[in-house]
């Protein structure tokens, strides 16, 4: 047992928020392990993926859907624009909104990492069986109220890539 493992967490070890945070960090650590050369983090992947599925979506609407603070979303989009992964467009009819579109480089990077990020049931989460992983995903969707969201059909470009 390491010194860190010997730390008594007390009641924290039974608190859902604490457990969810530790689980998130562990899952992200596993995801990030193979992505260092591209520097693609889960938040950036999520934005690229949603921009691909929703070309022309407004930056603010994406931030709201992903529960990313507007200032943080602005920084994230600026970084994606600087890497030539996303373009911004301000529509003439509403200059307050910024629409996002994927560049060819963004589409290529998304395609290269889609399988890793969207493993689905193909790869169980660390320390869980496939059935436990499905149960956890179902419970998380319910907790976040996503299980009531209408599933979107896969677009041809997703099934082909």
C-alpha atoms as a PDB file:
ATOM      1  CA  UNK A   1       0.000   0.000   0.000  1.00  0.00           C
ATOM      2  CA  UNK A   2       1.338   3.422  -0.948  1.00  0.00           C
ATOM      3  CA  UNK A   3       1.314   6.417   1.379  1.00  0.00           C
ATOM      4  CA  UNK A   4      -1.473   7.943  -0.724  1.00  0.00           C
ATOM      5  CA  UNK A   5      -3.582   4.770  -0.512  1.00  0.00           C
ATOM      6  CA  UNK A   6      -3.130   4.797   3.286  1.00  0.00           C
ATOM      7  CA  UNK A   7      -4.878   8.178   3.578  1.00  0.00           C
ATOM      8  CA  UNK A   8      -8.204   7.737   5.377  1.00  0.00           C
ATOM      9  CA  UNK A   9     -10.915   9.383   3.253  1.00  0.00           C
ATOM     10  CA  UNK A  10     -13.599   8.946   5.887  1.00  0.00           C
ATOM     11  CA  UNK A  11     -17.079   9.779   4.645  1.00  0.00           C
ATOM     12  CA  UNK A  12     -15.716  11.275   1.433  1.00  0.00           C
ATOM     13  CA  UNK A  13     -15.370   7.735   0.089  1.00  0.00           C
ATOM     14  CA  UNK A  14     -19.173   7.462   0.057  1.00  0.00           C
ATOM     15  CA  UNK A  15     -19.982  10.884  -1.436  1.00  0.00           C
ATOM     16  CA  UNK A  16     -21.242  10.682  -5.042  1.00  0.00           C
ATOM     17  CA  UNK A  17     -19.687  13.995  -6.098  1.00  0.00           C
ATOM     18  CA  UNK A  18     -16.274  12.992  -4.807  1.00  0.00           C
ATOM     19  CA  UNK A  19     -16.523   9.528  -6.380  1.00  0.00           C
ATOM     20  CA  UNK A  20     -17.669  10.961  -9.721  1.00  0.00           C
ATOM     21  CA  UNK A  21     -14.743  13.382  -9.760  1.00  0.00           C
ATOM     22  CA  UNK A  22     -12.209  10.615  -9.063  1.00  0.00           C
ATOM     23  CA  UNK A  23     -13.839   8.407 -11.701  1.00  0.00           C
ATOM     24  CA  UNK A  24     -13.729  11.258 -14.228  1.00  0.00           C
ATOM     25  CA  UNK A  25     -10.040  11.800 -13.570  1.00  0.00           C
ATOM     26  CA  UNK A  26      -9.282   8.091 -13.977  1.00  0.00           C
ATOM     27  CA  UNK A  27     -11.216   7.800 -17.252  1.00  0.00           C
ATOM     28  CA  UNK A  28      -9.626  10.993 -18.620  1.00  0.00           C
ATOM     29  CA  UNK A  29      -6.174   9.741 -17.648  1.00  0.00           C
ATOM     30  CA  UNK A  30      -6.769   6.581 -19.670  1.00  0.00           C
ATOM     31  CA  UNK A  31      -8.043   8.606 -22.639  1.00  0.00           C
ATOM     32  CA  UNK A  32      -5.200  11.106 -22.536  1.00  0.00           C
ATOM     33  CA  UNK A  33      -2.482   8.462 -22.415  1.00  0.00           C
ATOM     34  CA  UNK A  34      -2.522   7.937 -26.194  1.00  0.00           C
ATOM     35  CA  UNK A  35      -3.237  11.511 -27.218  1.00  0.00           C
ATOM     36  CA  UNK A  36      -0.144  13.387 -26.114  1.00  0.00           C
ATOM     37  CA  UNK A  37       1.312  13.880 -29.626  1.00  0.00           C
ATOM     38  CA  UNK A  38      -1.863  15.625 -30.849  1.00  0.00           C
ATOM     39  CA  UNK A  39      -2.572  17.411 -27.573  1.00  0.00           C
ATOM     40  CA  UNK A  40      -6.287  16.695 -27.994  1.00  0.00           C
ATOM     41  CA  UNK A  41      -8.082  16.796 -24.651  1.00  0.00           C
ATOM     42  CA  UNK A  42     -11.584  15.450 -23.991  1.00  0.00           C
ATOM     43  CA  UNK A  43     -13.153  18.933 -23.957  1.00  0.00           C
ATOM     44  CA  UNK A  44     -11.598  19.836 -27.304  1.00  0.00           C
ATOM     45  CA  UNK A  45     -12.662  16.492 -28.768  1.00  0.00           C
ATOM     46  CA  UNK A  46     -16.229  17.101 -27.565  1.00  0.00           C
ATOM     47  CA  UNK A  47     -16.309  20.483 -29.283  1.00  0.00           C
ATOM     48  CA  UNK A  48     -14.854  19.074 -32.530  1.00  0.00           C
ATOM     49  CA  UNK A  49     -17.340  16.209 -32.471  1.00  0.00           C
ATOM     50  CA  UNK A  50     -20.343  18.468 -31.893  1.00  0.00           C
ATOM     51  CA  UNK A  51     -19.215  20.971 -34.524  1.00  0.00           C
ATOM     52  CA  UNK A  52     -18.936  18.084 -37.011  1.00  0.00           C
ATOM     53  CA  UNK A  53     -22.448  16.890 -36.113  1.00  0.00           C
ATOM     54  CA  UNK A  54     -23.867  20.438 -36.055  1.00  0.00           C
ATOM     55  CA  UNK A  55     -22.082  22.554 -38.704  1.00  0.00           C
ATOM     56  CA  UNK A  56     -22.776  26.226 -38.148  1.00  0.00           C
ATOM     57  CA  UNK A  57     -23.837  25.730 -34.529  1.00  0.00           C
ATOM     58  CA  UNK A  58     -23.386  28.798 -32.387  1.00  0.00           C
ATOM     59  CA  UNK A  59     -20.473  28.824 -29.996  1.00  0.00           C
ATOM     60  CA  UNK A  60     -22.707  29.894 -27.093  1.00  0.00           C
ATOM     61  CA  UNK A  61     -25.188  27.075 -27.702  1.00  0.00           C
ATOM     62  CA  UNK A  62     -22.366  24.524 -27.743  1.00  0.00           C
ATOM     63  CA  UNK A  63     -20.944  25.971 -24.525  1.00  0.00           C
ATOM     64  CA  UNK A  64     -24.358  25.730 -22.885  1.00  0.00           C
ATOM     65  CA  UNK A  65     -24.916  22.152 -24.068  1.00  0.00           C
ATOM     66  CA  UNK A  66     -21.487  21.065 -22.819  1.00  0.00           C
ATOM     67  CA  UNK A  67     -21.823  23.142 -19.616  1.00  0.00           C
ATOM     68  CA  UNK A  68     -18.620  24.999 -20.393  1.00  0.00           C
ATOM     69  CA  UNK A  69     -18.375  28.572 -19.108  1.00  0.00           C
ATOM     70  CA  UNK A  70     -18.463  31.092 -21.945  1.00  0.00           C
ATOM     71  CA  UNK A  71     -14.998  32.475 -21.166  1.00  0.00           C
ATOM     72  CA  UNK A  72     -13.520  28.970 -21.118  1.00  0.00           C
ATOM     73  CA  UNK A  73     -15.321  28.098 -24.357  1.00  0.00           C
ATOM     74  CA  UNK A  74     -13.899  31.217 -25.994  1.00  0.00           C
ATOM     75  CA  UNK A  75     -10.362  30.153 -25.035  1.00  0.00           C
ATOM     76  CA  UNK A  76     -10.994  26.620 -26.241  1.00  0.00           C
ATOM     77  CA  UNK A  77     -12.365  27.784 -29.599  1.00  0.00           C
ATOM     78  CA  UNK A  78      -9.492  30.264 -30.021  1.00  0.00           C
ATOM     79  CA  UNK A  79      -7.051  27.383 -29.523  1.00  0.00           C
ATOM     80  CA  UNK A  80      -8.923  25.240 -32.064  1.00  0.00           C
ATOM     81  CA  UNK A  81      -8.936  28.131 -34.558  1.00  0.00           C
ATOM     82  CA  UNK A  82      -5.204  28.719 -33.988  1.00  0.00           C
ATOM     83  CA  UNK A  83      -4.591  25.031 -34.781  1.00  0.00           C
ATOM     84  CA  UNK A  84      -6.718  25.375 -37.956  1.00  0.00           C
ATOM     85  CA  UNK A  85      -9.225  22.780 -36.692  1.00  0.00           C
ATOM     86  CA  UNK A  86     -12.282  25.061 -36.566  1.00  0.00           C
ATOM     87  CA  UNK A  87     -13.378  28.231 -38.349  1.00  0.00           C
ATOM     88  CA  UNK A  88     -15.558  30.964 -36.886  1.00  0.00           C
ATOM     89  CA  UNK A  89     -18.191  32.851 -38.836  1.00  0.00           C
ATOM     90  CA  UNK A  90     -20.223  35.843 -37.663  1.00  0.00           C
ATOM     91  CA  UNK A  91     -23.567  35.857 -39.514  1.00  0.00           C
ATOM     92  CA  UNK A  92     -24.636  39.153 -41.057  1.00  0.00           C
ATOM     93  CA  UNK A  93     -28.184  38.843 -39.693  1.00  0.00           C
ATOM     94  CA  UNK A  94     -27.045  38.433 -36.053  1.00  0.00           C
ATOM     95  CA  UNK A  95     -23.585  39.790 -35.309  1.00  0.00           C
ATOM     96  CA  UNK A  96     -23.814  38.683 -31.653  1.00  0.00           C
ATOM     97  CA  UNK A  97     -23.468  34.985 -32.448  1.00  0.00           C
ATOM     98  CA  UNK A  98     -20.452  33.077 -33.691  1.00  0.00           C
ATOM     99  CA  UNK A  99     -21.006  29.999 -35.825  1.00  0.00           C
ATOM    100  CA  UNK A 100     -18.430  27.207 -35.890  1.00  0.00           C
ATOM    101  CA  UNK A 101     -17.429  24.839 -38.677  1.00  0.00           C
ATOM    102  CA  UNK A 102     -14.832  22.089 -38.847  1.00  0.00           C
ATOM    103  CA  UNK A 103     -11.864  22.521 -41.195  1.00  0.00           C
ATOM    104  CA  UNK A 104     -10.451  19.639 -43.212  1.00  0.00           C
ATOM    105  CA  UNK A 105      -7.648  19.364 -40.618  1.00  0.00           C
ATOM    106  CA  UNK A 106     -10.243  19.265 -37.836  1.00  0.00           C
ATOM    107  CA  UNK A 107     -12.194  16.542 -39.615  1.00  0.00           C
ATOM    108  CA  UNK A 108      -9.004  14.492 -40.073  1.00  0.00           C
ATOM    109  CA  UNK A 109      -8.033  14.837 -36.411  1.00  0.00           C
ATOM    110  CA  UNK A 110     -11.554  13.943 -35.328  1.00  0.00           C
ATOM    111  CA  UNK A 111     -11.551  10.877 -37.555  1.00  0.00           C
ATOM    112  CA  UNK A 112      -8.148   9.795 -36.222  1.00  0.00           C
ATOM    113  CA  UNK A 113      -9.333   9.864 -32.594  1.00  0.00           C
ATOM    114  CA  UNK A 114     -13.055   9.102 -32.860  1.00  0.00           C
ATOM    115  CA  UNK A 115     -12.636   5.404 -32.146  1.00  0.00           C
ATOM    116  CA  UNK A 116     -10.621   6.092 -28.992  1.00  0.00           C
ATOM    117  CA  UNK A 117     -13.073   8.643 -27.586  1.00  0.00           C
ATOM    118  CA  UNK A 118     -16.259   6.909 -28.688  1.00  0.00           C
ATOM    119  CA  UNK A 119     -15.405   3.329 -27.795  1.00  0.00           C
ATOM    120  CA  UNK A 120     -18.967   2.692 -26.632  1.00  0.00           C
ATOM    121  CA  UNK A 121     -19.417  -0.772 -25.175  1.00  0.00           C
ATOM    122  CA  UNK A 122     -16.434  -2.120 -27.077  1.00  0.00           C
ATOM    123  CA  UNK A 123     -14.103  -1.281 -24.215  1.00  0.00           C
ATOM    124  CA  UNK A 124     -15.236  -1.524 -20.582  1.00  0.00           C
ATOM    125  CA  UNK A 125     -14.166   1.188 -18.184  1.00  0.00           C
ATOM    126  CA  UNK A 126     -11.203   0.444 -15.891  1.00  0.00           C
ATOM    127  CA  UNK A 127     -12.090  -1.973 -13.064  1.00  0.00           C
ATOM    128  CA  UNK A 128     -15.572  -2.623 -14.512  1.00  0.00           C
ATOM    129  CA  UNK A 129     -16.999  -5.428 -16.596  1.00  0.00           C
ATOM    130  CA  UNK A 130     -18.818  -4.693 -19.855  1.00  0.00           C
ATOM    131  CA  UNK A 131     -22.174  -5.115 -18.081  1.00  0.00           C
ATOM    132  CA  UNK A 132     -21.117  -2.820 -15.228  1.00  0.00           C
ATOM    133  CA  UNK A 133     -19.912  -0.243 -17.755  1.00  0.00           C
ATOM    134  CA  UNK A 134     -23.318  -0.295 -19.517  1.00  0.00           C
ATOM    135  CA  UNK A 135     -25.104   0.043 -16.158  1.00  0.00           C
ATOM    136  CA  UNK A 136     -22.911   2.958 -15.134  1.00  0.00           C
ATOM    137  CA  UNK A 137     -23.519   4.722 -18.460  1.00  0.00           C
ATOM    138  CA  UNK A 138     -27.272   4.229 -18.069  1.00  0.00           C
ATOM    139  CA  UNK A 139     -27.197   5.630 -14.530  1.00  0.00           C
ATOM    140  CA  UNK A 140     -25.015   8.592 -15.541  1.00  0.00           C
ATOM    141  CA  UNK A 141     -27.370   9.395 -18.427  1.00  0.00           C
ATOM    142  CA  UNK A 142     -30.275   9.308 -15.978  1.00  0.00           C
ATOM    143  CA  UNK A 143     -28.413  11.422 -13.421  1.00  0.00           C
ATOM    144  CA  UNK A 144     -27.565  14.048 -16.043  1.00  0.00           C
ATOM    145  CA  UNK A 145     -31.069  13.853 -17.560  1.00  0.00           C
ATOM    146  CA  UNK A 146     -29.620  12.782 -20.907  1.00  0.00           C
ATOM    147  CA  UNK A 147     -31.675   9.595 -20.958  1.00  0.00           C
ATOM    148  CA  UNK A 148     -34.713  11.745 -21.708  1.00  0.00           C
ATOM    149  CA  UNK A 149     -32.999  13.438 -24.657  1.00  0.00           C
ATOM    150  CA  UNK A 150     -34.129  12.242 -28.064  1.00  0.00           C
ATOM    151  CA  UNK A 151     -31.247  10.272 -29.619  1.00  0.00           C
ATOM    152  CA  UNK A 152     -30.007  11.750 -32.873  1.00  0.00           C
ATOM    153  CA  UNK A 153     -29.649   9.509 -35.908  1.00  0.00           C
ATOM    154  CA  UNK A 154     -26.088   8.895 -37.042  1.00  0.00           C
ATOM    155  CA  UNK A 155     -25.187  10.927 -40.074  1.00  0.00           C
ATOM    156  CA  UNK A 156     -23.633   9.305 -43.131  1.00  0.00           C
ATOM    157  CA  UNK A 157     -20.278  10.962 -42.536  1.00  0.00           C
ATOM    158  CA  UNK A 158     -20.149   9.340 -39.080  1.00  0.00           C
ATOM    159  CA  UNK A 159     -20.978   5.870 -40.262  1.00  0.00           C
ATOM    160  CA  UNK A 160     -18.509   6.126 -43.153  1.00  0.00           C
ATOM    161  CA  UNK A 161     -15.608   7.289 -41.007  1.00  0.00           C
END
